[in-house]
Amino acid sequence: MDPRKYATLLAVVQESAAGRDGNARALLDRAIGDHLEAGARAEDLHFYLFARALTRRLASGLAEEINLYLRQFQDTQISLFNLLARHLPTVALTAPLANELLARFVGGHDEVTLLDIGIGSGHQEVAMLRRLGQQGRLPKRLNVIAIEPDAGSLIEAQMALFEVSVELGIELEFVPMHKVVEDMSEADWSEVSAFECPLVVNASFAAHHIQCTEGDTLRDRIFARLRELDPDAVVLAEPSSNHHAADFVERFNAAWHHFGITFKLIDQLDVTPEEAGAMKMFFAREIEDIVANGEQTRCERHEPVESWVARLRRAGFTPYADFGFARETRHDLVRVAAHEGYVGLDYADETLVAVICATSGVPAANRPRRVRRFAGLQAVGG
């Protein structure tokens, strides 16, 4: 991409960060008008997605013009997520890698509890159970405590897990918590700790949604609560970039860099130009949240992977180290690499997405068993 386009947007961001929104808006409108008149190219989608986010932040008068350009990609009939899951390795490889780790800690028990933060529709968990079935290591009984703010997804996860439990012949108890993890009450935390069997925690692309500002300690406090539960393992899947920064210029630069590298990766995939454009549009919502929304309303607060590993250490967890299986996962464009505390999906010499794992340091068999205080908890649904 022409570096002048980045320089133009950076100047807009710097003016806005300095409180000169009028100057920023004038710069942005002129830049968009010039580039649209010069003729937009598909390879410039990186520029236009960030420019649109800035039009929303600054209430620019050219928001509709840029939307007209982007509509050619929005109108595609391709299912964006399915397209990413098939072709983009930083998406396609993440769940299998996380499931390899989860299976190590969930499998082989008579009874085990999975605390799933942001379970979504449960597709990852279904795949993990089928993997354990292939290995002959299914637990006899699985308790799933599912934290999920979307009610429809929670119902889908419940149905999917009950169906696979019947298929595989295991007992399932499903405990739905229709909320985000930061809204868990003392009673909720007690309910999790009530199970007397080994506990495993999973959070796939969910931990960065914990709502706190850069200087807040809420994420540290939540991980400290998780450590109090004494889980056998915590497995996280997270993009690696500093979109948690309160400084607007720093956050913009981190986002421009992270998504720019992701778009370069997409451009190297064996897909049509239309599919490549559609895949980039999948990230439009994240870009807009990071760039357009105010500090108190932003949701996509990604952090560098090193920050997550450090947070787990501060909470008292021990980074996991047995990532030899990563060598068995290969891709032509990304490197699946073991690092300290995580497996990285690396491209252009940096980690774009990380699968992070840490343990409590003491195997469940060597710990006192938990006392289950909530006798009579029953599975919901069916």
Protein backbone atom coordinates (compact mmCIF):
# COMPACT_ATOMS: atom_id res chain seq x y z
CA MET A 1 0.00 0.00 0.00
CA ASP A 2 1.06 3.57 -0.66
CA PRO A 3 2.68 4.73 2.65
CA ARG A 4 1.13 8.16 2.11
CA LYS A 5 -2.28 6.70 2.91
CA TYR A 6 -1.09 5.50 6.30
CA ALA A 7 0.63 8.84 6.94
CA THR A 8 -2.60 10.67 6.12
CA LEU A 9 -4.67 8.59 8.51
CA LEU A 10 -2.02 8.88 11.21
CA ALA A 11 -2.17 12.67 10.90
CA VAL A 12 -5.96 12.46 11.34
CA VAL A 13 -5.52 10.34 14.46
CA GLN A 14 -2.90 12.69 15.91
CA GLU A 15 -5.13 15.71 15.38
CA SER A 16 -8.05 13.94 17.03
CA ALA A 17 -5.90 12.75 19.95
CA ALA A 18 -4.83 16.38 20.47
CA GLY A 19 -8.48 17.47 20.69
CA ARG A 20 -8.54 19.13 17.28
CA ASP A 21 -11.43 17.15 15.80
CA GLY A 22 -12.30 19.89 13.32
CA ASN A 23 -8.82 19.71 11.77
CA ALA A 24 -8.96 15.91 11.88
CA ARG A 25 -12.31 15.84 10.10
CA ALA A 26 -11.11 18.21 7.37
CA LEU A 27 -7.97 16.12 6.78
CA LEU A 28 -9.98 12.91 6.65
CA ASP A 29 -12.62 14.25 4.27
CA ARG A 30 -9.97 15.56 1.89
CA ALA A 31 -8.02 12.28 1.99
CA ILE A 32 -11.08 10.13 1.34
CA GLY A 33 -12.29 12.40 -1.44
CA ASP A 34 -8.89 12.37 -3.15
CA HIS A 35 -8.55 8.59 -2.98
CA LEU A 36 -12.09 7.86 -4.10
CA GLU A 37 -11.70 10.22 -7.06
CA ALA A 38 -8.39 8.53 -7.97
CA GLY A 39 -10.17 5.19 -8.17
CA ALA A 40 -10.40 2.64 -5.38
CA ARG A 41 -8.66 -0.70 -5.69
CA ALA A 42 -9.43 -3.87 -3.79
CA GLU A 43 -5.92 -3.94 -2.36
CA ASP A 44 -6.67 -0.60 -0.67
CA LEU A 45 -9.37 -2.16 1.52
CA HIS A 46 -7.02 -1.86 4.50
CA PHE A 47 -7.05 1.94 4.10
CA TYR A 48 -10.80 2.18 3.59
CA LEU A 49 -11.75 0.07 6.61
CA PHE A 50 -9.67 2.29 8.87
CA ALA A 51 -10.89 5.43 7.11
CA ARG A 52 -14.52 4.37 7.66
CA ALA A 53 -13.83 3.77 11.34
CA LEU A 54 -12.45 7.29 11.61
CA THR A 55 -15.47 8.76 9.79
CA ARG A 56 -17.66 7.22 12.49
CA ARG A 57 -15.44 8.49 15.28
CA LEU A 58 -15.38 12.02 13.85
CA ALA A 59 -18.91 12.14 12.33
CA SER A 60 -17.38 12.85 8.93
CA GLY A 61 -19.60 13.99 6.09
CA LEU A 62 -18.10 11.37 3.75
CA ALA A 63 -19.27 8.34 5.70
CA GLU A 64 -21.89 7.45 3.08
CA GLU A 65 -19.47 7.74 0.16
CA ILE A 66 -17.03 5.32 1.72
CA ASN A 67 -19.87 2.96 2.61
CA LEU A 68 -20.83 2.87 -1.07
CA TYR A 69 -17.34 1.69 -1.94
CA LEU A 70 -17.31 -0.98 0.78
CA ARG A 71 -20.76 -2.28 -0.14
CA GLN A 72 -19.28 -4.35 -2.98
CA PHE A 73 -17.65 -6.53 -0.34
CA GLN A 74 -20.52 -6.46 2.16
CA ASP A 75 -23.03 -7.76 -0.38
CA THR A 76 -21.17 -11.00 -1.00
CA GLN A 77 -23.21 -14.14 -0.33
CA ILE A 78 -20.19 -15.91 1.14
CA SER A 79 -20.49 -16.89 4.79
CA LEU A 80 -17.60 -14.90 6.20
CA PHE A 81 -16.83 -17.00 9.22
CA ASN A 82 -17.02 -20.28 7.33
CA LEU A 83 -14.69 -18.80 4.74
CA LEU A 84 -12.20 -17.82 7.42
CA ALA A 85 -12.50 -21.18 9.16
CA ARG A 86 -11.66 -22.95 5.89
CA HIS A 87 -8.86 -20.74 4.61
CA LEU A 88 -7.32 -18.38 7.18
CA PRO A 89 -4.83 -20.38 9.25
CA THR A 90 -4.93 -18.04 12.24
CA VAL A 91 -8.60 -19.01 12.57
CA ALA A 92 -8.61 -22.54 11.17
CA LEU A 93 -5.75 -23.84 13.31
CA THR A 94 -6.63 -22.17 16.62
CA ALA A 95 -9.44 -24.44 17.84
CA PRO A 96 -7.62 -27.71 17.00
CA LEU A 97 -4.51 -26.50 18.85
CA ALA A 98 -6.55 -25.39 21.86
CA ASN A 99 -8.45 -28.67 21.82
CA GLU A 100 -5.20 -30.64 21.85
CA LEU A 101 -4.38 -28.93 25.13
CA LEU A 102 -7.88 -29.16 26.58
CA ALA A 103 -8.07 -32.86 25.74
CA ARG A 104 -4.92 -33.49 27.76
CA PHE A 105 -6.57 -32.17 30.90
CA VAL A 106 -10.22 -33.13 30.31
CA GLY A 107 -9.56 -36.69 29.14
CA GLY A 108 -8.94 -39.73 31.31
CA HIS A 109 -11.05 -38.73 34.32
CA ASP A 110 -14.11 -40.43 35.72
CA GLU A 111 -15.57 -36.95 36.22
CA VAL A 112 -14.26 -33.54 35.22
CA THR A 113 -15.64 -30.01 35.09
CA LEU A 114 -15.08 -27.58 32.21
CA LEU A 115 -15.58 -23.90 33.01
CA ASP A 116 -16.04 -22.33 29.57
CA ILE A 117 -15.86 -18.54 29.43
CA GLY A 118 -17.61 -17.37 26.27
CA ILE A 119 -18.72 -20.80 25.08
CA GLY A 120 -20.49 -19.43 22.00
CA SER A 121 -22.39 -22.16 20.18
CA GLY A 122 -20.24 -24.96 21.58
CA HIS A 123 -18.63 -26.09 18.31
CA GLN A 124 -15.13 -26.19 19.80
CA GLU A 125 -16.27 -28.25 22.77
CA VAL A 126 -18.12 -30.74 20.57
CA ALA A 127 -14.97 -31.19 18.48
CA MET A 128 -12.90 -31.71 21.63
CA LEU A 129 -15.22 -34.47 22.87
CA ARG A 130 -15.13 -36.21 19.51
CA ARG A 131 -11.33 -35.99 19.62
CA LEU A 132 -11.32 -37.61 23.07
CA GLY A 133 -13.64 -40.29 21.75
CA GLN A 134 -11.14 -41.08 18.99
CA GLN A 135 -8.39 -41.28 21.59
CA GLY A 136 -10.44 -43.55 23.86
CA ARG A 137 -10.03 -41.03 26.72
CA LEU A 138 -13.55 -39.72 27.24
CA PRO A 139 -14.49 -38.88 30.83
CA LYS A 140 -17.41 -40.84 32.17
CA ARG A 141 -19.08 -37.64 33.34
CA LEU A 142 -18.54 -34.08 32.16
CA ASN A 143 -19.86 -30.99 33.91
CA VAL A 144 -19.90 -27.91 31.68
CA ILE A 145 -20.33 -24.51 33.31
CA ALA A 146 -21.05 -22.28 30.32
CA ILE A 147 -20.63 -18.51 30.63
CA GLU A 148 -22.11 -16.74 27.62
CA PRO A 149 -23.86 -13.34 27.25
CA ASP A 150 -25.76 -14.33 24.09
CA ALA A 151 -28.85 -16.33 25.03
CA GLY A 152 -29.28 -17.89 21.58
CA SER A 153 -25.70 -19.14 21.51
CA LEU A 154 -26.06 -20.54 25.02
CA ILE A 155 -29.10 -22.59 23.96
CA GLU A 156 -27.28 -23.82 20.85
CA ALA A 157 -24.26 -24.87 22.93
CA GLN A 158 -26.50 -26.71 25.39
CA MET A 159 -28.29 -28.62 22.62
CA ALA A 160 -25.07 -29.43 20.76
CA LEU A 161 -23.35 -30.76 23.87
CA PHE A 162 -26.32 -32.86 24.93
CA GLU A 163 -26.50 -34.36 21.45
CA VAL A 164 -22.81 -35.28 21.38
CA SER A 165 -22.95 -36.64 24.93
CA VAL A 166 -25.70 -39.04 23.87
CA GLU A 167 -23.75 -39.92 20.73
CA LEU A 168 -20.59 -40.68 22.71
CA GLY A 169 -22.25 -42.25 25.72
CA ILE A 170 -21.10 -39.93 28.50
CA GLU A 171 -23.04 -38.25 31.30
CA LEU A 172 -23.38 -34.50 30.95
CA GLU A 173 -24.39 -31.78 33.37
CA PHE A 174 -24.79 -28.39 31.72
CA VAL A 175 -24.89 -25.31 33.96
CA PRO A 176 -25.71 -22.18 31.92
CA MET A 177 -24.69 -18.74 33.16
CA HIS A 178 -26.24 -16.10 30.92
CA LYS A 179 -23.78 -13.28 31.60
CA VAL A 180 -20.21 -12.13 31.09
CA VAL A 181 -17.52 -13.37 33.45
CA GLU A 182 -17.04 -9.96 35.10
CA ASP A 183 -20.70 -10.06 36.19
CA MET A 184 -20.37 -13.34 38.08
CA SER A 185 -21.66 -13.06 41.63
CA GLU A 186 -20.21 -14.66 44.75
CA ALA A 187 -22.92 -17.30 44.44
CA ASP A 188 -21.80 -18.01 40.86
CA TRP A 189 -18.17 -18.45 41.90
CA SER A 190 -19.29 -20.71 44.75
CA GLU A 191 -21.33 -22.77 42.31
CA VAL A 192 -18.23 -23.34 40.19
CA SER A 193 -16.15 -24.35 43.20
CA ALA A 194 -18.85 -26.74 44.40
CA PHE A 195 -17.78 -29.52 42.05
CA GLU A 196 -15.39 -31.92 43.73
CA CYS A 197 -13.78 -33.21 40.51
CA PRO A 198 -10.84 -31.78 38.53
CA LEU A 199 -11.52 -28.43 36.85
CA VAL A 200 -10.33 -27.10 33.49
CA VAL A 201 -10.90 -23.52 32.26
CA ASN A 202 -11.32 -22.57 28.61
CA ALA A 203 -11.67 -19.09 27.12
CA SER A 204 -11.49 -18.95 23.33
CA PHE A 205 -11.31 -15.37 21.98
CA ALA A 206 -13.24 -14.25 25.05
CA ALA A 207 -10.82 -12.93 27.68
CA HIS A 208 -10.11 -9.74 25.73
CA HIS A 209 -13.80 -8.82 26.05
CA ILE A 210 -13.47 -8.38 29.82
CA GLN A 211 -14.51 -4.77 30.13
CA CYS A 212 -11.91 -2.65 31.86
CA THR A 213 -9.68 0.26 30.98
CA GLU A 214 -5.92 -0.11 30.57
CA GLY A 215 -5.17 0.99 34.13
CA ASP A 216 -7.90 -1.13 35.73
CA THR A 217 -7.01 -4.36 37.53
CA LEU A 218 -10.29 -6.17 36.77
CA ARG A 219 -8.64 -8.73 34.50
CA ASP A 220 -6.02 -9.49 37.14
CA ARG A 221 -8.75 -9.88 39.76
CA ILE A 222 -10.72 -12.30 37.58
CA PHE A 223 -7.65 -14.42 36.92
CA ALA A 224 -6.93 -14.42 40.65
CA ARG A 225 -10.45 -15.77 41.21
CA LEU A 226 -9.79 -18.46 38.64
CA ARG A 227 -6.60 -19.41 40.47
CA GLU A 228 -8.57 -19.75 43.72
CA LEU A 229 -10.61 -22.46 41.98
CA ASP A 230 -7.38 -24.48 41.70
CA PRO A 231 -7.94 -25.65 38.11
CA ASP A 232 -5.72 -28.26 36.51
CA ALA A 233 -5.28 -25.93 33.54
CA VAL A 234 -6.38 -22.69 31.90
CA VAL A 235 -6.38 -22.55 28.09
CA LEU A 236 -6.80 -19.21 26.31
CA ALA A 237 -6.92 -18.36 22.61
CA GLU A 238 -6.19 -14.70 21.93
CA PRO A 239 -5.04 -12.39 19.13
CA SER A 240 -1.71 -10.77 20.00
CA SER A 241 -1.79 -6.99 19.63
CA ASN A 242 -2.06 -3.99 21.94
CA HIS A 243 -5.61 -2.77 21.35
CA HIS A 244 -6.05 -2.32 25.10
CA ALA A 245 -3.97 0.86 25.09
CA ALA A 246 -5.82 3.97 26.23
CA ASP A 247 -3.59 6.20 24.08
CA PHE A 248 -5.45 6.61 20.77
CA VAL A 249 -2.33 7.01 18.60
CA GLU A 250 -0.70 3.91 20.13
CA ARG A 251 -3.89 1.89 19.70
CA PHE A 252 -4.37 3.01 16.10
CA ASN A 253 -0.79 2.08 15.20
CA ALA A 254 -1.12 -1.34 16.83
CA ALA A 255 -4.37 -2.02 15.00
CA TRP A 256 -3.05 -0.78 11.64
CA HIS A 257 -0.03 -3.06 12.01
CA HIS A 258 -1.90 -6.14 13.24
CA PHE A 259 -4.68 -6.06 10.66
CA GLY A 260 -2.27 -5.02 7.93
CA ILE A 261 -0.22 -8.18 8.49
CA THR A 262 -3.41 -10.25 8.66
CA PHE A 263 -4.52 -8.77 5.33
CA LYS A 264 -1.13 -9.58 3.77
CA LEU A 265 -1.63 -13.16 4.89
CA ILE A 266 -5.11 -13.20 3.34
CA ASP A 267 -3.66 -11.89 0.07
CA GLN A 268 -1.37 -14.93 -0.09
CA LEU A 269 -4.16 -17.48 0.34
CA ASP A 270 -5.43 -19.57 -2.55
CA VAL A 271 -8.77 -17.78 -2.78
CA THR A 272 -10.48 -15.52 -5.30
CA PRO A 273 -10.14 -11.72 -5.03
CA GLU A 274 -13.81 -11.59 -4.00
CA GLU A 275 -13.22 -14.09 -1.23
CA ALA A 276 -10.13 -12.22 -0.04
CA GLY A 277 -12.12 -8.99 0.15
CA ALA A 278 -14.93 -10.70 2.01
CA MET A 279 -12.50 -12.18 4.53
CA LYS A 280 -11.04 -8.75 5.23
CA MET A 281 -14.56 -7.38 5.75
CA PHE A 282 -14.98 -9.90 8.57
CA PHE A 283 -12.59 -7.74 10.60
CA ALA A 284 -14.42 -4.47 9.88
CA ARG A 285 -16.43 -4.61 13.10
CA GLU A 286 -13.31 -5.15 15.20
CA ILE A 287 -11.49 -2.29 13.47
CA GLU A 288 -14.43 0.04 14.03
CA ASP A 289 -14.67 -0.90 17.69
CA ILE A 290 -10.95 -0.32 18.26
CA VAL A 291 -10.72 2.94 16.30
CA ALA A 292 -14.18 4.52 16.40
CA ASN A 293 -15.52 3.79 19.88
CA GLY A 294 -14.73 5.75 23.02
CA GLU A 295 -12.60 4.43 25.87
CA GLN A 296 -15.59 3.45 28.00
CA THR A 297 -17.50 1.61 25.27
CA ARG A 298 -14.77 -0.36 23.45
CA CYS A 299 -15.05 -4.17 23.50
CA GLU A 300 -12.16 -5.48 21.39
CA ARG A 301 -9.41 -4.94 23.94
CA HIS A 302 -6.76 -7.34 22.67
CA GLU A 303 -3.40 -7.50 24.41
CA PRO A 304 0.04 -8.79 23.40
CA VAL A 305 0.39 -12.48 24.23
CA GLU A 306 3.18 -11.67 26.68
CA SER A 307 0.69 -9.65 28.73
CA TRP A 308 -1.60 -12.67 29.10
CA VAL A 309 1.27 -14.94 30.12
CA ALA A 310 2.42 -12.35 32.67
CA ARG A 311 -1.12 -12.01 34.04
CA LEU A 312 -1.37 -15.77 34.54
CA ARG A 313 1.95 -15.71 36.39
CA ARG A 314 0.79 -12.85 38.64
CA ALA A 315 -2.31 -14.86 39.48
CA GLY A 316 -0.15 -17.78 40.61
CA PHE A 317 -0.35 -20.03 37.57
CA THR A 318 2.62 -21.84 36.04
CA PRO A 319 3.07 -21.48 32.26
CA TYR A 320 2.72 -24.83 30.50
CA ALA A 321 5.70 -26.05 28.52
CA ASP A 322 4.85 -29.35 26.82
CA PHE A 323 4.07 -28.05 23.34
CA GLY A 324 5.86 -30.74 21.35
CA PHE A 325 2.63 -31.48 19.47
CA ALA A 326 2.92 -28.07 17.76
CA ARG A 327 5.64 -29.50 15.52
CA GLU A 328 3.04 -31.83 14.01
CA THR A 329 0.86 -28.93 12.82
CA ARG A 330 2.19 -27.41 9.63
CA HIS A 331 0.99 -24.78 7.20
CA ASP A 332 2.59 -23.33 4.09
CA LEU A 333 2.17 -19.71 5.20
CA VAL A 334 2.21 -19.61 9.01
CA ARG A 335 4.62 -21.15 11.47
CA VAL A 336 3.11 -23.04 14.39
CA ALA A 337 5.76 -22.38 17.03
CA ALA A 338 6.17 -23.22 20.72
CA HIS A 339 7.03 -20.22 22.88
CA GLU A 340 7.25 -19.75 26.63
CA GLY A 341 3.73 -20.43 27.86
CA TYR A 342 2.01 -20.51 24.49
CA VAL A 343 1.83 -21.83 20.95
CA GLY A 344 2.00 -19.04 18.41
CA LEU A 345 0.53 -18.86 14.94
CA ASP A 346 3.38 -16.79 13.57
CA TYR A 347 3.56 -14.86 10.34
CA ALA A 348 6.10 -12.25 9.24
CA ASP A 349 8.19 -13.09 12.32
CA GLU A 350 5.51 -12.30 14.86
CA THR A 351 2.64 -14.04 16.62
CA LEU A 352 -0.77 -13.06 15.24
CA VAL A 353 -2.81 -15.46 17.38
CA ALA A 354 -1.69 -17.40 20.46
CA VAL A 355 -2.99 -20.47 22.25
CA ILE A 356 -1.90 -19.96 25.85
CA CYS A 357 -1.83 -22.61 28.57
CA ALA A 358 -1.02 -22.52 32.27
CA THR A 359 -1.52 -24.89 35.18
CA SER A 360 -1.96 -24.59 38.92
CA GLY A 361 1.24 -26.54 39.34
CA VAL A 362 -0.12 -29.47 41.35
CA PRO A 363 -1.91 -32.40 39.66
CA ALA A 364 -5.51 -32.89 40.76
CA ALA A 365 -4.76 -36.36 42.11
CA ASN A 366 -2.38 -34.84 44.67
CA ARG A 367 -4.82 -32.20 45.94
CA PRO A 368 -7.55 -32.44 48.55
CA ARG A 369 -10.85 -33.04 46.81
CA ARG A 370 -13.33 -30.19 46.68
CA VAL A 371 -16.46 -30.44 48.76
CA ARG A 372 -19.52 -30.05 46.57
CA ARG A 373 -21.75 -27.61 48.40
CA PHE A 374 -24.57 -27.45 45.86
CA ALA A 375 -26.04 -30.92 46.06
CA GLY A 376 -28.81 -31.55 43.59
CA LEU A 377 -27.53 -29.39 40.73
CA GLN A 378 -29.13 -30.85 37.66
CA ALA A 379 -28.55 -30.54 33.96
CA VAL A 380 -30.81 -28.02 32.24
CA GLY A 381 -32.65 -28.76 29.03
CA GLY A 382 -32.57 -31.94 27.00
